[in-house]
């Protein structure tokens, strides 16, 4: 079977990506520029800017003379390669062999793949449609060689699919630039009046080598298929995954636990070699009837301790229904983080307090869900609603310490709730208040503590807070919104003390 190659040319690769991320740029002329020899040079142009006559390599000052309203953005030299790699990994759904063609293309070896989509025409249409719907302007072509496919995708004007064996005729009328030649060689060809490949393809090879060097012959042979051209396919990141096929279907909880422990041992060994710890793990069992049983765990910090992970899974093993039996087990860690040997030593016997807290949190999250666990840190605000923030993980630390100059309730309502208050004098603490239909008679009170709004954030009334204790001994944090001599002042409850 002859090889078939598909090349994709992203006409405006980096600018299209920027327009996707920033929709306000769509339909506007803009360029990406970088400093070069003391001046700003255009590296990439949007489609609108290109239509106005702006091209890569132009000085920014010249582009402003052509188009005064052009927007100039800073170019990142690594953006194109990083984006092409992501697009190449996306294309792995169509073929296992995808290579990056810097600065703006991809090369796909589609041999034996197109029939899965109903032929090369539908195969090509599927890829182009998906990329264009995502916001990329692309041109693509299919041919027997990488060189011919590359040439047709960028310079072809008729059919993007070249039939097997017809690639030589397809490139004859294309310009020499279709052979991926250097600018110096192209200039010499133009100087001699060789404006298309047909003008020199049959010339003596010695004459071509003497005038234009070996690069012209190499590129010509690669396009014709008489010289091999190797491509360097991308290697997708191998997921942290372990598989365990079973000789006999597993139907018991004991068998499932044995399989899980074996998989954990293999996975944790690999995590150790690569200095990683998992934050999320999936354990799947594939039944002989085609159904998949799955349980999932998460951790508050990177972990590769087998016993701890096994206990987290063990809480959910009872939910697995093996039915007639499970013939394949799979353990995957889709979310991993760096974990050093020093961090791993926290699980040693000398760090029982740390491991106990982490283990307890993981078990609570495994049984009741991660949403049931919250950890708060102080924030640099006096306004109560903004004085705390939720921590993202167990290790996160605050830049400030918890304030201890004024007592604060252990439970703070996210939104203060209105209460009815009776007070002897407007600026005195309340004698009683009614909250959710229940009357609370005040026995002790302390305050007021005035807290002003942060005027640079929002405008509003001041608050006078009181710490009050009712006849049952329960203590509350209540406040009056507005000054006591203000007719619009209201009372609210905001928190509960221990």
Foldseek 3Di string as FASTA:
>chain_A
DFWKKKKKFQQQPPVLVVCLVPVVCPPAWEFAWDDDPRFIFTQTTDPVLVVLPDDGGHTPVVSCVSPVPYHYHHDDVCVQVVVQLVVLVVCCVQPVFKFDDPPGMIMGTNVPRQVVQPHDVSSVVVVCVVVVVSRTDMFMAMASFPLLRQLCRVFNDDDRYAPYPRSVVRQFAGALVSLVDDPVLSVQCVVVVNGGNVVPVPPDPVVCCVRRNCSSVVSSCRSNVVDDDDGDGDDDDDFLKDKDFDPDFDQDLVVVLVVLLVRLVVSLVVCVVVQKFFFKKKKWFQAPVGDIDIDMFGFQDGDSDSVLVSVLVVVCSVVGGRVVGTGMMMMGRRGMDGHHPVNHCCPPPVNVVVCVVRSVLRNCCSVPNNVVDWDKDADPDPPVLNGIDTDPGPPDDDPDHDDDPDDDAPFWDNDWAFWAFDCPALVDDTQWIADPNDIFGWDDKDWFDKDADPVVVHDAFIKTWMWTAGPVGWIFIKIWTHDSPDPPIGITTTHTHD
